[in-house]
């Protein structure tokens, strides 16, 4: 009778056979990524498929950290690893240790992915770009101190604009440590306000040589810089992430130095032109003012200054005479009016009436008596004459008949 096996025994047997097969232990498979998932553990799970079939794949975190691009569904890749059986499920999988894009370099994929990510974050927005100072006093260059690029930049800066002070912040521009050093130098220059302008870059090389300037740490450092930054990396066809983020992109390090400062020869020519223009303007102004002075010098004010004073004095005398005449006229008018009002007042004076033989009668309280009403015999009253007054007693009161009103 044939022996009976457990399921786990069969799966373990198959796993051993798979691992003993040298063909399956180191294999490269081309396919399209699908069902891609990245777990919180850092492990990647996906499938590789072609038009006829598919195979499950796993890439553990320790291998995935070496990827220079982010796998995505639909991406054509070549995966390297071993095929074995997972005993619990009895399914075979490719345990991937390396992966590269098929037909295009992984660095190019990583570049495009980071470019898209930073563009969505707004780091390439033109509104974020800062204007370069037209006449920088201090320039910080962040590059390798041993490369030819620094020598070219120093030579051009000294030739074009020797008034600037150049500070070199030496960093590595290639290798795993380079991005952190470049980003750190940018932060250091800003923290201590070392310069008005920063130039960062390096000479030409392969995409691997220039990769430090495609690092996200360098991109964020440039974006955060309060000091304007010129990115001067590689040769003219080379374009890096730092070129997109920087305030100005230079085709080469030498071009970066040219863009950073004005040309002293051009400045001298501009100053000479402005000096000539200013001289011509001043000469023309002097000519106009000289003619104006000649015209003024011929006026009577300057040729006979006392004549002008005499004319003003005569005018003053005339005004004085007119004021006196007007004052006398006004005074005579006021005197006439005063005489007329005095005569009217005298005519209306009660004393004037008394002088004609009339008297004024008042009761004991000094109130004017206009009628006999209210009077009775025995009351005293005062009679006012022109030359005095007398107090009398009423002996009799008689009422005159009232005349009808017409």
Protein backbone atom coordinates (compact mmCIF):
# COMPACT_ATOMS: atom_id res chain seq x y z
CA UNK A 1 0.00 0.00 0.00
CA UNK A 2 1.34 3.43 -0.98
CA UNK A 3 2.14 5.80 1.91
CA UNK A 4 -0.23 8.71 2.74
CA UNK A 5 1.28 12.19 3.25
CA UNK A 6 0.12 15.28 5.03
CA UNK A 7 -0.40 18.51 3.01
CA UNK A 8 2.39 20.27 4.88
CA UNK A 9 4.75 17.42 4.02
CA UNK A 10 4.05 17.85 0.33
CA UNK A 11 4.49 21.60 0.51
CA UNK A 12 7.79 21.25 2.37
CA UNK A 13 8.94 18.71 -0.18
CA UNK A 14 8.09 21.01 -3.06
CA UNK A 15 9.84 23.92 -1.32
CA UNK A 16 13.01 21.85 -1.02
CA UNK A 17 12.86 20.82 -4.68
CA UNK A 18 12.36 24.45 -5.74
CA UNK A 19 15.31 25.63 -3.65
CA UNK A 20 17.57 22.85 -4.91
CA UNK A 21 16.89 23.91 -8.52
CA UNK A 22 19.70 26.29 -9.52
CA UNK A 23 17.57 27.62 -12.36
CA UNK A 24 14.87 28.84 -9.95
CA UNK A 25 17.24 30.09 -7.24
CA UNK A 26 18.63 32.94 -9.36
CA UNK A 27 16.23 33.97 -12.07
CA UNK A 28 15.28 37.19 -13.92
CA UNK A 29 11.69 37.65 -15.02
CA UNK A 30 10.25 40.34 -17.28
CA UNK A 31 6.66 41.40 -16.78
CA UNK A 32 4.10 44.09 -16.01
CA UNK A 33 3.42 45.04 -12.40
CA UNK A 34 -0.17 44.61 -11.22
CA UNK A 35 -1.97 44.47 -7.86
CA UNK A 36 0.88 46.43 -6.32
CA UNK A 37 0.61 46.98 -2.53
CA UNK A 38 3.01 48.51 -0.04
CA UNK A 39 2.33 47.36 3.52
CA UNK A 40 3.11 49.37 6.66
CA UNK A 41 5.82 46.83 7.40
CA UNK A 42 7.70 48.10 4.35
CA UNK A 43 7.25 44.87 2.37
CA UNK A 44 6.07 45.08 -1.26
CA UNK A 45 3.56 42.61 -2.69
CA UNK A 46 2.61 42.52 -6.36
CA UNK A 47 2.20 40.31 -9.41
CA UNK A 48 4.18 40.13 -12.64
CA UNK A 49 2.11 39.29 -15.65
CA UNK A 50 2.30 38.87 -19.40
CA UNK A 51 -0.59 38.35 -21.82
CA UNK A 52 -0.87 34.62 -20.91
CA UNK A 53 -0.20 34.29 -17.16
CA UNK A 54 0.94 35.85 -13.90
CA UNK A 55 3.17 35.08 -10.92
CA UNK A 56 2.96 36.42 -7.38
CA UNK A 57 5.95 38.38 -6.09
CA UNK A 58 7.22 39.58 -2.74
CA UNK A 59 9.99 42.10 -2.06
CA UNK A 60 10.98 42.47 1.57
CA UNK A 61 11.77 45.83 3.12
CA UNK A 62 15.55 45.30 3.30
CA UNK A 63 15.65 44.84 -0.49
CA UNK A 64 13.02 47.49 -1.26
CA UNK A 65 15.04 50.25 0.45
CA UNK A 66 17.64 49.91 -2.31
CA UNK A 67 15.11 50.77 -5.03
CA UNK A 68 15.75 54.15 -6.67
CA UNK A 69 12.21 54.39 -8.02
CA UNK A 70 8.69 53.68 -6.78
CA UNK A 71 7.06 50.65 -8.46
CA UNK A 72 3.63 51.34 -9.94
CA UNK A 73 0.89 49.30 -11.55
CA UNK A 74 1.36 48.97 -15.31
CA UNK A 75 5.13 49.48 -15.15
CA UNK A 76 7.26 47.07 -17.21
CA UNK A 77 10.12 45.76 -15.08
CA UNK A 78 12.75 43.04 -14.86
CA UNK A 79 12.77 41.37 -11.44
CA UNK A 80 15.66 39.34 -10.05
CA UNK A 81 15.21 36.78 -7.29
CA UNK A 82 14.34 33.18 -6.50
CA UNK A 83 11.16 31.16 -6.88
CA UNK A 84 10.10 29.03 -3.96
CA UNK A 85 6.99 27.65 -2.31
CA UNK A 86 5.28 29.25 0.65
CA UNK A 87 4.34 26.11 2.63
CA UNK A 88 1.30 27.60 4.38
CA UNK A 89 -0.56 28.26 1.11
CA UNK A 90 1.19 25.77 -1.12
CA UNK A 91 1.69 28.57 -3.69
CA UNK A 92 4.95 29.38 -5.34
CA UNK A 93 6.15 33.04 -5.50
CA UNK A 94 9.06 35.04 -6.75
CA UNK A 95 10.98 36.51 -3.83
CA UNK A 96 12.43 39.57 -5.51
CA UNK A 97 15.82 40.96 -4.40
CA UNK A 98 16.34 43.53 -7.19
CA UNK A 99 14.16 45.26 -9.76
CA UNK A 100 14.87 47.61 -12.65
CA UNK A 101 12.55 49.22 -15.20
CA UNK A 102 12.46 47.42 -18.52
CA UNK A 103 13.75 49.52 -21.41
CA UNK A 104 14.49 52.64 -19.32
CA UNK A 105 16.90 53.24 -16.44
CA UNK A 106 15.71 53.18 -12.87
CA UNK A 107 17.36 56.54 -12.28
CA UNK A 108 15.31 58.05 -15.07
CA UNK A 109 12.15 56.60 -13.54
CA UNK A 110 13.13 57.94 -10.11
CA UNK A 111 13.86 61.35 -11.65
CA UNK A 112 10.46 61.59 -13.32
CA UNK A 113 8.63 60.39 -10.22
CA UNK A 114 10.35 62.94 -7.97
CA UNK A 115 9.84 65.65 -10.56
CA UNK A 116 6.10 64.93 -10.67
CA UNK A 117 5.86 64.82 -6.88
CA UNK A 118 7.66 68.14 -6.33
CA UNK A 119 5.71 69.79 -9.13
CA UNK A 120 2.46 68.79 -7.41
CA UNK A 121 3.83 70.25 -4.15
CA UNK A 122 4.39 73.58 -5.92
CA UNK A 123 8.19 73.67 -5.62
CA UNK A 124 8.54 74.56 -9.32
CA UNK A 125 5.97 77.36 -9.23
CA UNK A 126 7.42 80.53 -10.84
CA UNK A 127 5.75 82.66 -8.17
CA UNK A 128 8.14 81.12 -5.61
CA UNK A 129 11.22 82.23 -7.51
CA UNK A 130 13.21 85.00 -5.81
CA UNK A 131 14.89 87.77 -7.77
CA UNK A 132 18.68 87.73 -7.83
CA UNK A 133 20.47 90.77 -6.38
CA UNK A 134 21.77 92.89 -9.28
CA UNK A 135 25.06 93.67 -7.49
CA UNK A 136 25.77 90.91 -4.92
CA UNK A 137 28.27 91.81 -2.22
CA UNK A 138 28.79 88.24 -0.95
CA UNK A 139 28.44 85.01 -2.94
CA UNK A 140 28.46 81.53 -1.38
CA UNK A 141 29.54 78.69 -3.68
CA UNK A 142 28.50 75.20 -2.55
CA UNK A 143 30.48 72.64 -4.51
CA UNK A 144 33.56 70.46 -4.34
CA UNK A 145 36.79 72.29 -3.55
CA UNK A 146 38.76 69.83 -5.70
CA UNK A 147 36.83 70.04 -8.96
CA UNK A 148 37.52 72.16 -12.02
CA UNK A 149 34.13 73.81 -11.67
CA UNK A 150 35.14 75.91 -8.64
CA UNK A 151 38.23 77.20 -10.42
CA UNK A 152 36.20 78.25 -13.46
CA UNK A 153 33.63 80.02 -11.28
CA UNK A 154 36.24 81.87 -9.23
CA UNK A 155 38.06 82.99 -12.36
CA UNK A 156 34.88 84.28 -14.02
CA UNK A 157 33.58 86.01 -10.88
CA UNK A 158 36.89 87.79 -10.32
CA UNK A 159 37.06 88.86 -13.95
CA UNK A 160 33.47 90.06 -14.26
CA UNK A 161 32.84 91.62 -10.85
CA UNK A 162 35.80 91.70 -8.44
CA UNK A 163 33.77 93.76 -5.92
CA UNK A 164 32.00 90.60 -4.70
CA UNK A 165 33.38 88.56 -1.82
CA UNK A 166 33.24 84.83 -2.56
CA UNK A 167 32.84 82.23 0.21
CA UNK A 168 33.39 78.54 -0.63
CA UNK A 169 31.42 75.96 1.34
CA UNK A 170 33.16 72.71 0.29
CA UNK A 171 30.96 69.62 0.03
CA UNK A 172 31.00 66.28 -1.69
CA UNK A 173 28.99 66.39 -4.90
CA UNK A 174 28.94 62.67 -5.60
CA UNK A 175 28.16 59.61 -3.53
CA UNK A 176 25.72 58.66 -0.82
CA UNK A 177 26.86 61.40 1.59
CA UNK A 178 26.68 64.21 -0.99
CA UNK A 179 22.94 65.15 -0.74
CA UNK A 180 23.06 65.61 3.03
CA UNK A 181 26.22 67.74 2.79
CA UNK A 182 24.81 69.97 0.03
CA UNK A 183 21.51 70.45 1.87
CA UNK A 184 23.38 71.12 5.12
CA UNK A 185 25.58 73.76 3.48
CA UNK A 186 22.50 75.56 2.10
CA UNK A 187 20.88 75.57 5.56
CA UNK A 188 24.15 76.79 7.12
CA UNK A 189 24.48 79.69 4.67
CA UNK A 190 20.91 80.78 5.43
CA UNK A 191 21.19 80.35 9.20
CA UNK A 192 24.28 82.59 9.38
CA UNK A 193 23.36 84.88 6.47
CA UNK A 194 26.72 84.26 4.84
CA UNK A 195 25.82 85.65 1.43
CA UNK A 196 23.42 87.58 -0.80
CA UNK A 197 23.47 84.80 -3.38
CA UNK A 198 24.18 81.04 -3.45
CA UNK A 199 25.59 79.08 -6.39
CA UNK A 200 25.47 75.31 -6.05
CA UNK A 201 26.48 72.73 -8.63
CA UNK A 202 29.30 70.71 -10.12
CA UNK A 203 30.89 69.84 -13.43
CA UNK A 204 29.53 67.37 -15.94
CA UNK A 205 29.27 63.60 -15.63
CA UNK A 206 26.89 60.69 -15.97
CA UNK A 207 23.42 60.70 -14.49
CA UNK A 208 24.82 58.69 -11.58
CA UNK A 209 27.52 61.35 -11.03
CA UNK A 210 24.92 64.14 -10.98
CA UNK A 211 22.40 62.22 -8.90
CA UNK A 212 23.08 64.17 -5.68
CA UNK A 213 21.32 67.15 -7.27
CA UNK A 214 18.27 64.98 -7.93
CA UNK A 215 17.89 64.18 -4.24
CA UNK A 216 14.76 65.30 -2.41
CA UNK A 217 16.78 66.67 0.54
CA UNK A 218 18.64 69.06 -1.77
CA UNK A 219 15.38 70.07 -3.46
CA UNK A 220 13.72 70.95 -0.14
CA UNK A 221 16.82 72.83 1.08
CA UNK A 222 16.85 74.99 -2.07
CA UNK A 223 13.10 75.62 -1.79
CA UNK A 224 13.46 76.67 1.87
CA UNK A 225 16.40 79.00 1.23
CA UNK A 226 15.75 82.67 1.93
CA UNK A 227 18.86 83.49 -0.09
CA UNK A 228 18.39 83.26 -3.89
CA UNK A 229 19.94 80.10 -5.35
CA UNK A 230 21.49 79.48 -8.78
CA UNK A 231 21.68 75.82 -9.78
CA UNK A 232 24.70 75.20 -12.03
CA UNK A 233 24.98 71.45 -12.62
CA UNK A 234 26.78 69.57 -15.38
CA UNK A 235 26.76 70.48 -19.05
CA UNK A 236 24.05 72.37 -20.92
CA UNK A 237 21.91 69.30 -21.83
CA UNK A 238 21.95 68.06 -18.21
CA UNK A 239 18.82 68.94 -16.23
CA UNK A 240 18.43 68.06 -12.56
CA UNK A 241 15.72 68.49 -9.94
CA UNK A 242 17.72 71.32 -8.35
CA UNK A 243 17.49 73.19 -11.68
CA UNK A 244 13.70 73.15 -11.45
CA UNK A 245 13.57 74.21 -7.78
CA UNK A 246 16.29 76.87 -7.87
CA UNK A 247 15.53 80.54 -8.47
CA UNK A 248 17.64 80.42 -11.64
CA UNK A 249 19.06 77.57 -13.67
CA UNK A 250 22.49 77.89 -15.27
CA UNK A 251 23.57 75.67 -18.13
CA UNK A 252 27.03 75.09 -16.62
CA UNK A 253 28.97 76.19 -13.53
CA UNK A 254 30.74 78.82 -15.64
CA UNK A 255 27.39 80.10 -16.86
CA UNK A 256 26.22 80.22 -13.24
CA UNK A 257 29.09 82.58 -12.40
CA UNK A 258 28.22 84.74 -15.42
CA UNK A 259 24.56 84.96 -14.38
CA UNK A 260 25.43 85.75 -10.76
CA UNK A 261 27.23 89.05 -11.35
CA UNK A 262 27.26 91.86 -13.90
CA UNK A 263 30.21 92.37 -16.25
CA UNK A 264 32.44 95.19 -15.05
CA UNK A 265 33.33 96.12 -18.64
CA UNK A 266 29.64 96.54 -19.50
CA UNK A 267 29.12 98.53 -16.31
CA UNK A 268 32.00 100.83 -17.23
CA UNK A 269 30.52 101.36 -20.68
CA UNK A 270 27.10 102.10 -19.17
CA UNK A 271 28.64 104.51 -16.68
CA UNK A 272 30.58 106.24 -19.47
CA UNK A 273 27.39 106.62 -21.54
CA UNK A 274 25.47 107.96 -18.54
CA UNK A 275 28.32 110.32 -17.71
CA UNK A 276 28.30 111.68 -21.27
CA UNK A 277 24.51 112.05 -21.18
CA UNK A 278 24.68 113.78 -17.78
CA UNK A 279 27.40 116.12 -19.01
CA UNK A 280 25.33 117.05 -22.05
CA UNK A 281 22.25 117.67 -19.90
CA UNK A 282 24.20 119.83 -17.44
CA UNK A 283 25.80 121.79 -20.30
CA UNK A 284 22.40 122.44 -21.86
CA UNK A 285 20.94 123.45 -18.49
CA UNK A 286 23.83 125.85 -17.85
CA UNK A 287 23.28 127.36 -21.29
CA UNK A 288 19.58 127.91 -20.55
CA UNK A 289 20.25 129.37 -17.11
CA UNK A 290 22.99 131.65 -18.48
CA UNK A 291 20.55 133.02 -21.07
CA UNK A 292 17.90 133.46 -18.36
CA UNK A 293 20.45 135.31 -16.20
CA UNK A 294 21.35 137.65 -19.07
CA UNK A 295 17.68 138.43 -19.59
CA UNK A 296 17.10 139.13 -15.90
CA UNK A 297 20.25 141.26 -15.60
CA UNK A 298 18.79 143.67 -18.17
CA UNK A 299 15.60 144.28 -16.21
CA UNK A 300 15.15 147.58 -14.35
CA UNK A 301 15.05 145.75 -11.00
CA UNK A 302 18.70 144.84 -11.35
CA UNK A 303 19.94 147.74 -13.51
CA UNK A 304 18.32 150.47 -11.31
CA UNK A 305 17.28 148.92 -7.99
CA UNK A 306 16.66 152.35 -6.31
CA UNK A 307 14.32 153.30 -9.14
CA UNK A 308 12.14 150.38 -8.19
CA UNK A 309 12.24 151.49 -4.53
CA UNK A 310 11.25 155.04 -5.54
CA UNK A 311 8.31 153.77 -7.55
CA UNK A 312 7.17 151.68 -4.60
CA UNK A 313 7.54 154.68 -2.27
CA UNK A 314 5.43 156.84 -4.60
CA UNK A 315 2.81 154.16 -4.76
CA UNK A 316 2.87 153.96 -0.97
CA UNK A 317 2.38 157.73 -0.66
CA UNK A 318 -0.54 157.56 -3.05
CA UNK A 319 -2.15 154.79 -1.03
CA UNK A 320 -1.57 156.75 2.17
CA UNK A 321 -3.23 159.83 0.72
CA UNK A 322 -6.18 157.81 -0.48
CA UNK A 323 -6.57 156.22 2.94
CA UNK A 324 -6.49 159.63 4.68
CA UNK A 325 -9.03 161.06 2.24
CA UNK A 326 -11.29 158.08 2.75
CA UNK A 327 -10.91 158.37 6.53
CA UNK A 328 -11.86 162.08 6.48
CA UNK A 329 -14.85 161.35 4.29
CA UNK A 330 -16.03 158.56 6.59
CA UNK A 331 -15.50 160.78 9.67
CA UNK A 332 -17.60 163.64 8.21
CA UNK A 333 -20.38 161.21 7.40
CA UNK A 334 -20.33 159.87 10.95
CA UNK A 335 -20.40 163.41 12.36
CA UNK A 336 -23.44 164.34 10.25
CA UNK A 337 -25.24 161.20 11.39
CA UNK A 338 -24.33 161.91 15.03
CA UNK A 339 -25.74 165.49 14.79
CA UNK A 340 -28.96 164.24 13.23
CA UNK A 341 -29.46 161.55 15.87
CA UNK A 342 -28.68 164.03 18.65
CA UNK A 343 -31.37 166.43 17.37
CA UNK A 344 -33.91 163.59 17.19
CA UNK A 345 -33.03 162.46 20.68
CA UNK A 346 -33.33 166.02 22.03
CA UNK A 347 -36.72 166.48 20.41
CA UNK A 348 -38.00 163.27 22.00
CA UNK A 349 -36.59 164.06 25.47
CA UNK A 350 -39.26 164.47 28.20
CA UNK A 351 -37.25 167.41 29.55
CA UNK A 352 -37.88 169.19 26.30
CA UNK A 353 -41.62 168.76 26.88
CA UNK A 354 -41.29 170.09 30.41
CA UNK A 355 -39.57 173.23 29.12
CA UNK A 356 -42.76 174.05 27.28
CA UNK A 357 -44.82 174.14 30.53
CA UNK A 358 -45.84 170.50 30.81
CA UNK A 359 -45.33 168.41 33.94
CA UNK A 360 -44.97 164.73 34.75
CA UNK A 361 -47.01 163.23 37.62
CA UNK A 362 -45.93 160.11 39.56
CA UNK A 363 -47.38 158.29 42.56
CA UNK A 364 -45.54 157.68 45.79
CA UNK A 365 -43.86 154.58 44.29
CA UNK A 366 -42.42 156.64 41.42
CA UNK A 367 -44.81 155.14 38.83
CA UNK A 368 -46.02 157.42 36.06
CA UNK A 369 -49.69 158.43 36.38
CA UNK A 370 -51.54 158.40 33.09
CA UNK A 371 -55.14 158.39 34.43
CA UNK A 372 -57.18 159.39 37.48
CA UNK A 373 -58.35 155.84 37.80
CA UNK A 374 -57.17 154.37 41.03
CA UNK A 375 -56.60 157.77 42.69
CA UNK A 376 -58.37 158.86 45.83
CA UNK A 377 -58.30 161.99 48.00
CA UNK A 378 -55.52 162.06 50.58
CA UNK A 379 -52.98 160.24 48.46
CA UNK A 380 -49.65 161.94 47.80
CA UNK A 381 -48.13 162.37 44.39
CA UNK A 382 -45.04 163.95 42.92
CA UNK A 383 -45.19 166.55 40.15
CA UNK A 384 -42.03 166.95 38.05
CA UNK A 385 -41.29 170.40 36.53
CA UNK A 386 -38.48 171.49 34.25
CA UNK A 387 -36.48 172.92 37.13
CA UNK A 388 -37.57 170.62 39.99
CA UNK A 389 -40.41 168.67 41.56
CA UNK A 390 -43.12 169.12 44.23
CA UNK A 391 -45.08 166.67 46.40
CA UNK A 392 -48.82 167.30 46.80
CA UNK A 393 -51.89 165.72 48.37
CA UNK A 394 -54.98 164.90 46.35
CA UNK A 395 -58.00 166.74 47.69
CA UNK A 396 -60.54 165.75 45.08
CA UNK A 397 -60.77 163.36 42.13
CA UNK A 398 -63.18 164.07 39.28
CA UNK A 399 -63.67 161.95 36.22
CA UNK A 400 -64.16 163.51 32.85
CA UNK A 401 -66.77 161.91 30.67
CA UNK A 402 -65.31 159.55 28.09
CA UNK A 403 -65.68 160.57 24.49
CA UNK A 404 -66.90 157.97 22.12
CA UNK A 405 -64.23 156.50 19.90
CA UNK A 406 -64.53 157.38 16.24
